[in-house]
PDB file of all heavy atoms in Angstrom:
ATOM      1  N   ALA A   1      81.573  94.565 104.584  1.00  0.00           N
ATOM      2  CA  ALA A   1      81.884  93.432 105.497  1.00  0.00           C
ATOM      3  C   ALA A   1      82.081  92.091 104.651  1.00  0.00           C
ATOM      4  O   ALA A   1      81.497  91.105 104.812  1.00  0.00           O
ATOM      5  CB  ALA A   1      80.800  93.180 106.483  1.00  0.00           C
ATOM      6  N   GLY A   2      82.937  92.301 103.736  1.00  0.00           N
ATOM      7  CA  GLY A   2      83.194  91.084 102.772  1.00  0.00           C
ATOM      8  C   GLY A   2      84.376  90.222 103.125  1.00  0.00           C
ATOM      9  O   GLY A   2      84.861  89.576 102.312  1.00  0.00           O
ATOM     10  N   GLY A   3      84.683  90.012 104.417  1.00  0.00           N
ATOM     11  CA  GLY A   3      85.720  89.224 104.862  1.00  0.00           C
ATOM     12  C   GLY A   3      87.127  89.507 104.246  1.00  0.00           C
ATOM     13  O   GLY A   3      87.465  90.705 104.185  1.00  0.00           O
ATOM     14  N   ARG A   4      87.662  88.523 103.676  1.00  0.00           N
ATOM     15  CA  ARG A   4      89.038  88.739 102.981  1.00  0.00           C
ATOM     16  C   ARG A   4      88.970  89.579 101.975  1.00  0.00           C
ATOM     17  O   ARG A   4      89.940  90.328 101.498  1.00  0.00           O
ATOM     18  CB  ARG A   4      89.465  87.449 102.570  1.00  0.00           C
ATOM     19  CG  ARG A   4      89.870  86.390 103.624  1.00  0.00           C
ATOM     20  CD  ARG A   4      90.003  85.030 103.141  1.00  0.00           C
ATOM     21  NE  ARG A   4      90.957  84.873 102.145  1.00  0.00           N
ATOM     22  CZ  ARG A   4      91.116  83.688 101.500  1.00  0.00           C
ATOM     23  NH1 ARG A   4      90.457  82.711 101.714  1.00  0.00           N
ATOM     24  NH2 ARG A   4      92.057  83.722 100.541  1.00  0.00           N
ATOM     25  N   ASN A   5      87.811  89.891 101.297  1.00  0.00           N
ATOM     26  CA  ASN A   5      87.669  90.797 100.009  1.00  0.00           C
ATOM     27  C   ASN A   5      87.945  92.149 100.444  1.00  0.00           C
ATOM     28  O   ASN A   5      88.233  93.027  99.683  1.00  0.00           O
ATOM     29  CB  ASN A   5      86.296  90.659  99.391  1.00  0.00           C
ATOM     30  CG  ASN A   5      86.050  89.174  98.936  1.00  0.00           C
ATOM     31  OD1 ASN A   5      86.989  88.409  98.598  1.00  0.00           O
ATOM     32  ND2 ASN A   5      84.837  88.770  98.929  1.00  0.00           N
ATOM     33  N   THR A   6      87.501  92.486 101.716  1.00  0.00           N
ATOM     34  CA  THR A   6      87.533  93.983 102.072  1.00  0.00           C
ATOM     35  C   THR A   6      88.300  94.313 103.375  1.00  0.00           C
ATOM     36  O   THR A   6      88.352  95.456 103.704  1.00  0.00           O
ATOM     37  CB  THR A   6      86.009  94.465 102.343  1.00  0.00           C
ATOM     38  OG1 THR A   6      85.491  93.571 103.329  1.00  0.00           O
ATOM     39  CG2 THR A   6      85.193  94.286 101.042  1.00  0.00           C
ATOM     40  N   SER A   7      88.892  93.218 103.908  1.00  0.00           N
ATOM     41  CA  SER A   7      89.542  93.470 105.274  1.00  0.00           C
ATOM     42  C   SER A   7      90.760  94.532 105.050  1.00  0.00           C
ATOM     43  O   SER A   7      90.899  95.520 105.918  1.00  0.00           O
ATOM     44  CB  SER A   7      90.308  92.101 105.772  1.00  0.00           C
ATOM     45  OG  SER A   7      91.141  91.628 104.793  1.00  0.00           O
ATOM     46  N   GLN A   8      91.594  94.546 104.077  1.00  0.00           N
ATOM     47  CA  GLN A   8      92.530  95.399 103.831  1.00  0.00           C
ATOM     48  C   GLN A   8      92.076  96.864 103.418  1.00  0.00           C
ATOM     49  O   GLN A   8      92.496  97.823 103.829  1.00  0.00           O
ATOM     50  CB  GLN A   8      93.604  94.963 102.848  1.00  0.00           C
ATOM     51  CG  GLN A   8      94.743  95.854 102.474  1.00  0.00           C
ATOM     52  CD  GLN A   8      95.732  96.008 103.675  1.00  0.00           C
ATOM     53  OE1 GLN A   8      96.030  95.018 104.372  1.00  0.00           O
ATOM     54  NE2 GLN A   8      96.226  97.223 103.910  1.00  0.00           N
ATOM     55  N   SER A   9      91.052  96.709 102.759  1.00  0.00           N
ATOM     56  CA  SER A   9      90.350  98.069 102.241  1.00  0.00           C
ATOM     57  C   SER A   9      89.860  98.944 103.349  1.00  0.00           C
ATOM     58  O   SER A   9      90.048 100.217 103.294  1.00  0.00           O
ATOM     59  CB  SER A   9      89.272  97.866 101.257  1.00  0.00           C
ATOM     60  OG  SER A   9      88.197  97.150 101.733  1.00  0.00           O
ATOM     61  N   LEU A  10      89.278  98.296 104.374  1.00  0.00           N
ATOM     62  CA  LEU A  10      88.819  99.150 105.500  1.00  0.00           C
ATOM     63  C   LEU A  10      90.013  99.852 106.245  1.00  0.00           C
ATOM     64  O   LEU A  10      89.864 100.825 106.824  1.00  0.00           O
ATOM     65  CB  LEU A  10      88.087  98.289 106.511  1.00  0.00           C
ATOM     66  CG  LEU A  10      86.751  97.845 105.983  1.00  0.00           C
ATOM     67  CD1 LEU A  10      86.083  96.812 107.031  1.00  0.00           C
ATOM     68  CD2 LEU A  10      85.726  98.982 105.653  1.00  0.00           C
ATOM     69  N   GLN A  11      91.223  99.200 106.114  1.00  0.00           N
ATOM     70  CA  GLN A  11      92.418  99.949 106.713  1.00  0.00           C
ATOM     71  C   GLN A  11      93.085 100.852 105.798  1.00  0.00           C
ATOM     72  O   GLN A  11      93.655 101.973 106.352  1.00  0.00           O
ATOM     73  CB  GLN A  11      93.457  98.692 107.160  1.00  0.00           C
ATOM     74  CG  GLN A  11      92.919  97.700 108.024  1.00  0.00           C
ATOM     75  CD  GLN A  11      93.955  96.644 108.191  1.00  0.00           C
ATOM     76  OE1 GLN A  11      95.175  96.912 108.348  1.00  0.00           O
ATOM     77  NE2 GLN A  11      93.451  95.404 108.253  1.00  0.00           N
ATOM     78  N   SER A  12      93.043 100.637 104.608  1.00  0.00           N
ATOM     79  CA  SER A  12      93.767 101.373 103.606  1.00  0.00           C
ATOM     80  C   SER A  12      93.038 102.492 102.915  1.00  0.00           C
ATOM     81  O   SER A  12      93.597 103.551 102.418  1.00  0.00           O
ATOM     82  CB  SER A  12      94.520 100.527 102.658  1.00  0.00           C
ATOM     83  OG  SER A  12      95.311  99.686 103.381  1.00  0.00           O
ATOM     84  N   ASN A  13      91.769 102.256 102.719  1.00  0.00           N
ATOM     85  CA  ASN A  13      90.941 103.323 101.931  1.00  0.00           C
ATOM     86  C   ASN A  13      90.736 104.602 102.621  1.00  0.00           C
ATOM     87  O   ASN A  13      90.491 104.671 103.717  1.00  0.00           O
ATOM     88  CB  ASN A  13      89.592 102.694 101.521  1.00  0.00           C
ATOM     89  CG  ASN A  13      89.615 101.885 100.243  1.00  0.00           C
ATOM     90  OD1 ASN A  13      90.624 101.854  99.501  1.00  0.00           O
ATOM     91  ND2 ASN A  13      88.486 101.074 100.148  1.00  0.00           N
ATOM     92  N   LYS A  14      90.904 105.611 101.797  1.00  0.00           N
ATOM     93  CA  LYS A  14      90.585 106.997 102.336  1.00  0.00           C
ATOM     94  C   LYS A  14      89.165 107.287 102.365  1.00  0.00           C
ATOM     95  O   LYS A  14      88.670 108.064 103.216  1.00  0.00           O
ATOM     96  CB  LYS A  14      91.368 107.953 101.503  1.00  0.00           C
ATOM     97  CG  LYS A  14      91.284 109.430 102.188  1.00  0.00           C
ATOM     98  CD  LYS A  14      92.235 110.377 101.391  1.00  0.00           C
ATOM     99  CE  LYS A  14      92.054 111.846 101.989  1.00  0.00           C
ATOM    100  NZ  LYS A  14      92.994 112.797 101.230  1.00  0.00           N
ATOM    101  N   TYR A  15      88.482 106.827 101.256  1.00  0.00           N
ATOM    102  CA  TYR A  15      86.992 107.113 101.124  1.00  0.00           C
ATOM    103  C   TYR A  15      86.237 105.853 101.066  1.00  0.00           C
ATOM    104  O   TYR A  15      86.648 104.894 100.360  1.00  0.00           O
ATOM    105  CB  TYR A  15      86.673 107.999  99.890  1.00  0.00           C
ATOM    106  CG  TYR A  15      87.483 109.364  99.875  1.00  0.00           C
ATOM    107  CD1 TYR A  15      88.591 109.431  99.011  1.00  0.00           C
ATOM    108  CD2 TYR A  15      87.167 110.387 100.656  1.00  0.00           C
ATOM    109  CE1 TYR A  15      89.326 110.622  99.029  1.00  0.00           C
ATOM    110  CE2 TYR A  15      87.750 111.587 100.594  1.00  0.00           C
ATOM    111  CZ  TYR A  15      88.931 111.632  99.879  1.00  0.00           C
ATOM    112  OH  TYR A  15      89.503 112.920  99.826  1.00  0.00           O
ATOM    113  N   ILE A  16      84.977 105.747 101.622  1.00  0.00           N
ATOM    114  CA  ILE A  16      84.072 104.737 101.553  1.00  0.00           C
ATOM    115  C   ILE A  16      82.682 105.329 101.229  1.00  0.00           C
ATOM    116  O   ILE A  16      82.240 106.240 101.838  1.00  0.00           O
ATOM    117  CB  ILE A  16      83.965 103.829 102.845  1.00  0.00           C
ATOM    118  CG1 ILE A  16      85.304 103.182 103.051  1.00  0.00           C
ATOM    119  CG2 ILE A  16      82.941 102.740 102.599  1.00  0.00           C
ATOM    120  CD1 ILE A  16      85.400 102.368 104.379  1.00  0.00           C
ATOM    121  N   VAL A  17      82.133 104.911 100.078  1.00  0.00           N
ATOM    122  CA  VAL A  17      80.995 105.566  99.508  1.00  0.00           C
ATOM    123  C   VAL A  17      79.794 104.490  99.789  1.00  0.00           C
ATOM    124  O   VAL A  17      79.794 103.187  99.552  1.00  0.00           O
ATOM    125  CB  VAL A  17      80.992 105.704  98.126  1.00  0.00           C
ATOM    126  CG1 VAL A  17      79.782 106.295  97.441  1.00  0.00           C
ATOM    127  CG2 VAL A  17      82.140 106.747  97.671  1.00  0.00           C
ATOM    128  N   PHE A  18      78.732 105.086 100.376  1.00  0.00           N
ATOM    129  CA  PHE A  18      77.399 104.168 100.609  1.00  0.00           C
ATOM    130  C   PHE A  18      76.268 104.922  99.890  1.00  0.00           C
ATOM    131  O   PHE A  18      76.410 106.060  99.357  1.00  0.00           O
ATOM    132  CB  PHE A  18      77.112 104.256 102.177  1.00  0.00           C
ATOM    133  CG  PHE A  18      78.086 103.389 102.862  1.00  0.00           C
ATOM    134  CD1 PHE A  18      79.060 103.988 103.697  1.00  0.00           C
ATOM    135  CD2 PHE A  18      77.983 101.989 102.980  1.00  0.00           C
ATOM    136  CE1 PHE A  18      79.921 103.159 104.568  1.00  0.00           C
ATOM    137  CE2 PHE A  18      78.816 101.248 103.747  1.00  0.00           C
ATOM    138  CZ  PHE A  18      79.750 101.840 104.445  1.00  0.00           C
ATOM    139  N   PHE A  19      75.232 104.261  99.805  1.00  0.00           N
ATOM    140  CA  PHE A  19      73.974 104.676  99.318  1.00  0.00           C
ATOM    141  C   PHE A  19      72.814 104.700 100.293  1.00  0.00           C
ATOM    142  O   PHE A  19      72.175 103.642 100.428  1.00  0.00           O
ATOM    143  CB  PHE A  19      73.635 103.855  97.907  1.00  0.00           C
ATOM    144  CG  PHE A  19      74.758 103.990  96.902  1.00  0.00           C
ATOM    145  CD1 PHE A  19      75.800 103.221  96.956  1.00  0.00           C
ATOM    146  CD2 PHE A  19      74.532 104.962  95.912  1.00  0.00           C
ATOM    147  CE1 PHE A  19      76.866 103.429  95.909  1.00  0.00           C
ATOM    148  CE2 PHE A  19      75.522 105.156  94.991  1.00  0.00           C
ATOM    149  CZ  PHE A  19      76.694 104.457  94.919  1.00  0.00           C
ATOM    150  N   PRO A  20      72.696 105.697 101.101  1.00  0.00           N
ATOM    151  CA  PRO A  20      71.910 105.627 102.206  1.00  0.00           C
ATOM    152  C   PRO A  20      70.357 105.183 101.993  1.00  0.00           C
ATOM    153  O   PRO A  20      69.686 104.898 102.975  1.00  0.00           O
ATOM    154  CB  PRO A  20      72.027 107.045 102.851  1.00  0.00           C
ATOM    155  CG  PRO A  20      72.380 107.887 101.711  1.00  0.00           C
ATOM    156  CD  PRO A  20      73.276 106.913 100.745  1.00  0.00           C
ATOM    157  N   ARG A  21      69.889 105.569 100.834  1.00  0.00           N
ATOM    158  CA  ARG A  21      68.360 105.232 100.523  1.00  0.00           C
ATOM    159  C   ARG A  21      68.182 103.721 100.371  1.00  0.00           C
ATOM    160  O   ARG A  21      67.105 103.319 100.658  1.00  0.00           O
ATOM    161  CB  ARG A  21      67.925 105.892  99.245  1.00  0.00           C
ATOM    162  CG  ARG A  21      68.038 107.493  99.379  1.00  0.00           C
ATOM    163  CD  ARG A  21      67.668 108.087  98.189  1.00  0.00           C
ATOM    164  NE  ARG A  21      67.819 109.633  98.190  1.00  0.00           N
ATOM    165  CZ  ARG A  21      67.677 110.434  97.135  1.00  0.00           C
ATOM    166  NH1 ARG A  21      67.446 109.956  95.969  1.00  0.00           N
ATOM    167  NH2 ARG A  21      67.967 111.692  97.352  1.00  0.00           N
ATOM    168  N   SER A  22      69.166 103.006 100.070  1.00  0.00           N
ATOM    169  CA  SER A  22      69.014 101.622  99.766  1.00  0.00           C
ATOM    170  C   SER A  22      69.653 100.672 100.760  1.00  0.00           C
ATOM    171  O   SER A  22      69.499  99.567 100.763  1.00  0.00           O
ATOM    172  CB  SER A  22      69.426 101.203  98.338  1.00  0.00           C
ATOM    173  OG  SER A  22      70.938 101.365  98.167  1.00  0.00           O
ATOM    174  N   GLN A  23      70.554 101.248 101.674  1.00  0.00           N
ATOM    175  CA  GLN A  23      71.308 100.427 102.640  1.00  0.00           C
ATOM    176  C   GLN A  23      71.365 101.160 104.038  1.00  0.00           C
ATOM    177  O   GLN A  23      72.446 101.320 104.502  1.00  0.00           O
ATOM    178  CB  GLN A  23      72.697  99.981 102.059  1.00  0.00           C
ATOM    179  CG  GLN A  23      73.474 101.196 101.549  1.00  0.00           C
ATOM    180  CD  GLN A  23      74.862 100.631 101.001  1.00  0.00           C
ATOM    181  OE1 GLN A  23      75.556 101.540 100.566  1.00  0.00           O
ATOM    182  NE2 GLN A  23      75.261  99.445 101.212  1.00  0.00           N
ATOM    183  N   GLN A  24      70.284 101.738 104.466  1.00  0.00           N
ATOM    184  CA  GLN A  24      70.246 102.429 105.699  1.00  0.00           C
ATOM    185  C   GLN A  24      70.813 101.754 106.824  1.00  0.00           C
ATOM    186  O   GLN A  24      71.697 102.285 107.524  1.00  0.00           O
ATOM    187  CB  GLN A  24      68.863 103.026 105.975  1.00  0.00           C
ATOM    188  CG  GLN A  24      68.704 103.891 107.137  1.00  0.00           C
ATOM    189  CD  GLN A  24      67.283 104.520 107.393  1.00  0.00           C
ATOM    190  OE1 GLN A  24      66.820 104.299 108.473  1.00  0.00           O
ATOM    191  NE2 GLN A  24      66.872 105.143 106.351  1.00  0.00           N
ATOM    192  N   ASN A  25      70.430 100.543 107.087  1.00  0.00           N
ATOM    193  CA  ASN A  25      70.947  99.781 108.147  1.00  0.00           C
ATOM    194  C   ASN A  25      72.470  99.537 108.188  1.00  0.00           C
ATOM    195  O   ASN A  25      73.134  99.573 109.202  1.00  0.00           O
ATOM    196  CB  ASN A  25      70.216  98.402 108.363  1.00  0.00           C
ATOM    197  CG  ASN A  25      68.660  98.783 108.877  1.00  0.00           C
ATOM    198  OD1 ASN A  25      68.414  99.717 109.526  1.00  0.00           O
ATOM    199  ND2 ASN A  25      67.795  97.758 108.709  1.00  0.00           N
ATOM    200  N   ARG A  26      72.977  99.294 106.913  1.00  0.00           N
ATOM    201  CA  ARG A  26      74.443  99.065 106.723  1.00  0.00           C
ATOM    202  C   ARG A  26      75.123 100.213 107.083  1.00  0.00           C
ATOM    203  O   ARG A  26      76.252 100.220 107.724  1.00  0.00           O
ATOM    204  CB  ARG A  26      74.685  98.634 105.325  1.00  0.00           C
ATOM    205  CG  ARG A  26      74.353  97.175 105.000  1.00  0.00           C
ATOM    206  CD  ARG A  26      75.502  96.233 105.454  1.00  0.00           C
ATOM    207  NE  ARG A  26      75.308  94.981 105.070  1.00  0.00           N
ATOM    208  CZ  ARG A  26      76.257  93.907 105.396  1.00  0.00           C
ATOM    209  NH1 ARG A  26      77.290  94.282 106.117  1.00  0.00           N
ATOM    210  NH2 ARG A  26      75.866  92.559 104.953  1.00  0.00           N
ATOM    211  N   CYS A  27      74.657 101.425 106.592  1.00  0.00           N
ATOM    212  CA  CYS A  27      75.465 102.681 106.916  1.00  0.00           C
ATOM    213  C   CYS A  27      75.412 102.872 108.489  1.00  0.00           C
ATOM    214  O   CYS A  27      76.466 103.307 109.029  1.00  0.00           O
ATOM    215  CB  CYS A  27      74.604 103.852 106.254  1.00  0.00           C
ATOM    216  SG  CYS A  27      74.581 103.865 104.479  1.00  0.00           S
ATOM    217  N   ILE A  28      74.279 102.683 109.084  1.00  0.00           N
ATOM    218  CA  ILE A  28      74.217 102.931 110.531  1.00  0.00           C
ATOM    219  C   ILE A  28      75.224 102.051 111.375  1.00  0.00           C
ATOM    220  O   ILE A  28      75.909 102.456 112.227  1.00  0.00           O
ATOM    221  CB  ILE A  28      72.873 102.697 111.078  1.00  0.00           C
ATOM    222  CG1 ILE A  28      71.810 103.844 110.540  1.00  0.00           C
ATOM    223  CG2 ILE A  28      72.812 102.699 112.584  1.00  0.00           C
ATOM    224  CD1 ILE A  28      70.413 103.531 110.825  1.00  0.00           C
ATOM    225  N   THR A  29      75.195 100.803 110.900  1.00  0.00           N
ATOM    226  CA  THR A  29      76.116  99.769 111.577  1.00  0.00           C
ATOM    227  C   THR A  29      77.505 100.172 111.341  1.00  0.00           C
ATOM    228  O   THR A  29      78.445 100.103 112.284  1.00  0.00           O
ATOM    229  CB  THR A  29      75.845  98.313 111.040  1.00  0.00           C
ATOM    230  OG1 THR A  29      74.456  98.004 111.212  1.00  0.00           O
ATOM    231  CG2 THR A  29      76.752  97.397 111.626  1.00  0.00           C
ATOM    232  N   PHE A  30      77.986 100.593 110.154  1.00  0.00           N
ATOM    233  CA  PHE A  30      79.338 101.010 109.791  1.00  0.00           C
ATOM    234  C   PHE A  30      79.686 102.143 110.735  1.00  0.00           C
ATOM    235  O   PHE A  30      80.724 102.233 111.280  1.00  0.00           O
ATOM    236  CB  PHE A  30      79.539 101.308 108.352  1.00  0.00           C
ATOM    237  CG  PHE A  30      80.856 101.686 108.102  1.00  0.00           C
ATOM    238  CD1 PHE A  30      81.804 100.690 107.561  1.00  0.00           C
ATOM    239  CD2 PHE A  30      81.359 103.049 108.136  1.00  0.00           C
ATOM    240  CE1 PHE A  30      83.045 101.103 107.173  1.00  0.00           C
ATOM    241  CE2 PHE A  30      82.554 103.443 107.703  1.00  0.00           C
ATOM    242  CZ  PHE A  30      83.446 102.468 107.326  1.00  0.00           C
ATOM    243  N   MET A  31      78.825 103.103 110.746  1.00  0.00           N
ATOM    244  CA  MET A  31      79.151 104.368 111.528  1.00  0.00           C
ATOM    245  C   MET A  31      79.359 104.020 113.143  1.00  0.00           C
ATOM    246  O   MET A  31      80.064 104.640 113.812  1.00  0.00           O
ATOM    247  CB  MET A  31      78.098 105.447 111.249  1.00  0.00           C
ATOM    248  CG  MET A  31      78.093 105.927 109.782  1.00  0.00           C
ATOM    249  SD  MET A  31      76.618 106.744 109.244  1.00  0.00           S
ATOM    250  CE  MET A  31      76.613 108.229 110.179  1.00  0.00           C
ATOM    251  N   ARG A  32      78.446 103.099 113.516  1.00  0.00           N
ATOM    252  CA  ARG A  32      78.651 102.665 114.961  1.00  0.00           C
ATOM    253  C   ARG A  32      79.925 101.965 115.198  1.00  0.00           C
ATOM    254  O   ARG A  32      80.650 102.345 116.225  1.00  0.00           O
ATOM    255  CB  ARG A  32      77.410 101.721 115.206  1.00  0.00           C
ATOM    256  CG  ARG A  32      77.355 101.269 116.728  1.00  0.00           C
ATOM    257  CD  ARG A  32      76.535 100.031 116.885  1.00  0.00           C
ATOM    258  NE  ARG A  32      76.956  98.911 116.053  1.00  0.00           N
ATOM    259  CZ  ARG A  32      76.361  97.743 115.867  1.00  0.00           C
ATOM    260  NH1 ARG A  32      75.184  97.603 116.304  1.00  0.00           N
ATOM    261  NH2 ARG A  32      76.890  96.802 115.285  1.00  0.00           N
ATOM    262  N   ASP A  33      80.208 101.045 114.341  1.00  0.00           N
ATOM    263  CA  ASP A  33      81.443 100.206 114.538  1.00  0.00           C
ATOM    264  C   ASP A  33      82.736 100.929 114.215  1.00  0.00           C
ATOM    265  O   ASP A  33      83.687 100.620 114.856  1.00  0.00           O
ATOM    266  CB  ASP A  33      81.330  98.994 113.683  1.00  0.00           C
ATOM    267  CG  ASP A  33      80.102  98.147 114.136  1.00  0.00           C
ATOM    268  OD1 ASP A  33      79.606  98.244 115.196  1.00  0.00           O
ATOM    269  OD2 ASP A  33      79.721  97.203 113.456  1.00  0.00           O
ATOM    270  N   HIS A  34      82.706 101.745 113.177  1.00  0.00           N
ATOM    271  CA  HIS A  34      84.062 102.356 112.714  1.00  0.00           C
ATOM    272  C   HIS A  34      84.253 103.929 112.998  1.00  0.00           C
ATOM    273  O   HIS A  34      85.268 104.267 113.107  1.00  0.00           O
ATOM    274  CB  HIS A  34      84.152 102.072 111.291  1.00  0.00           C
ATOM    275  CG  HIS A  34      84.129 100.698 110.877  1.00  0.00           C
ATOM    276  ND1 HIS A  34      85.340  99.877 111.008  1.00  0.00           N
ATOM    277  CD2 HIS A  34      83.217  99.706 110.446  1.00  0.00           C
ATOM    278  CE1 HIS A  34      85.126  98.594 110.581  1.00  0.00           C
ATOM    279  NE2 HIS A  34      83.872  98.500 110.229  1.00  0.00           N
ATOM    280  N   LEU A  35      83.102 104.550 113.315  1.00  0.00           N
ATOM    281  CA  LEU A  35      83.234 105.882 113.680  1.00  0.00           C
ATOM    282  C   LEU A  35      82.802 106.026 115.142  1.00  0.00           C
ATOM    283  O   LEU A  35      82.893 107.341 115.578  1.00  0.00           O
ATOM    284  CB  LEU A  35      82.359 106.858 112.827  1.00  0.00           C
ATOM    285  CG  LEU A  35      82.557 106.732 111.178  1.00  0.00           C
ATOM    286  CD1 LEU A  35      81.703 107.794 110.488  1.00  0.00           C
ATOM    287  CD2 LEU A  35      83.998 106.993 110.962  1.00  0.00           C
ATOM    288  N   MET A  36      82.457 105.016 115.792  1.00  0.00           N
ATOM    289  CA  MET A  36      82.182 105.033 117.231  1.00  0.00           C
ATOM    290  C   MET A  36      80.934 105.955 117.587  1.00  0.00           C
ATOM    291  O   MET A  36      81.056 106.666 118.572  1.00  0.00           O
ATOM    292  CB  MET A  36      83.337 105.426 118.030  1.00  0.00           C
ATOM    293  CG  MET A  36      84.533 104.520 117.905  1.00  0.00           C
ATOM    294  SD  MET A  36      84.175 102.812 118.005  1.00  0.00           S
ATOM    295  CE  MET A  36      85.645 102.070 117.165  1.00  0.00           C
ATOM    296  N   MET A  37      79.956 106.051 116.681  1.00  0.00           N
ATOM    297  CA  MET A  37      78.860 106.830 116.844  1.00  0.00           C
ATOM    298  C   MET A  37      77.738 106.031 117.659  1.00  0.00           C
ATOM    299  O   MET A  37      77.675 104.826 117.639  1.00  0.00           O
ATOM    300  CB  MET A  37      78.175 107.259 115.642  1.00  0.00           C
ATOM    301  CG  MET A  37      79.004 108.379 114.868  1.00  0.00           C
ATOM    302  SD  MET A  37      77.980 108.962 113.351  1.00  0.00           S
ATOM    303  CE  MET A  37      79.048 110.282 112.827  1.00  0.00           C
TER     304      MET A  37
END
């Protein structure tokens, strides 16, 4: 969620890598907002 730094990447990237042990809440929020979980 880096504003202008990542706005295009969320539309264009095929893969997004997270590290669930250190950013659990970020992963959950992303999956809720972008995967509609």
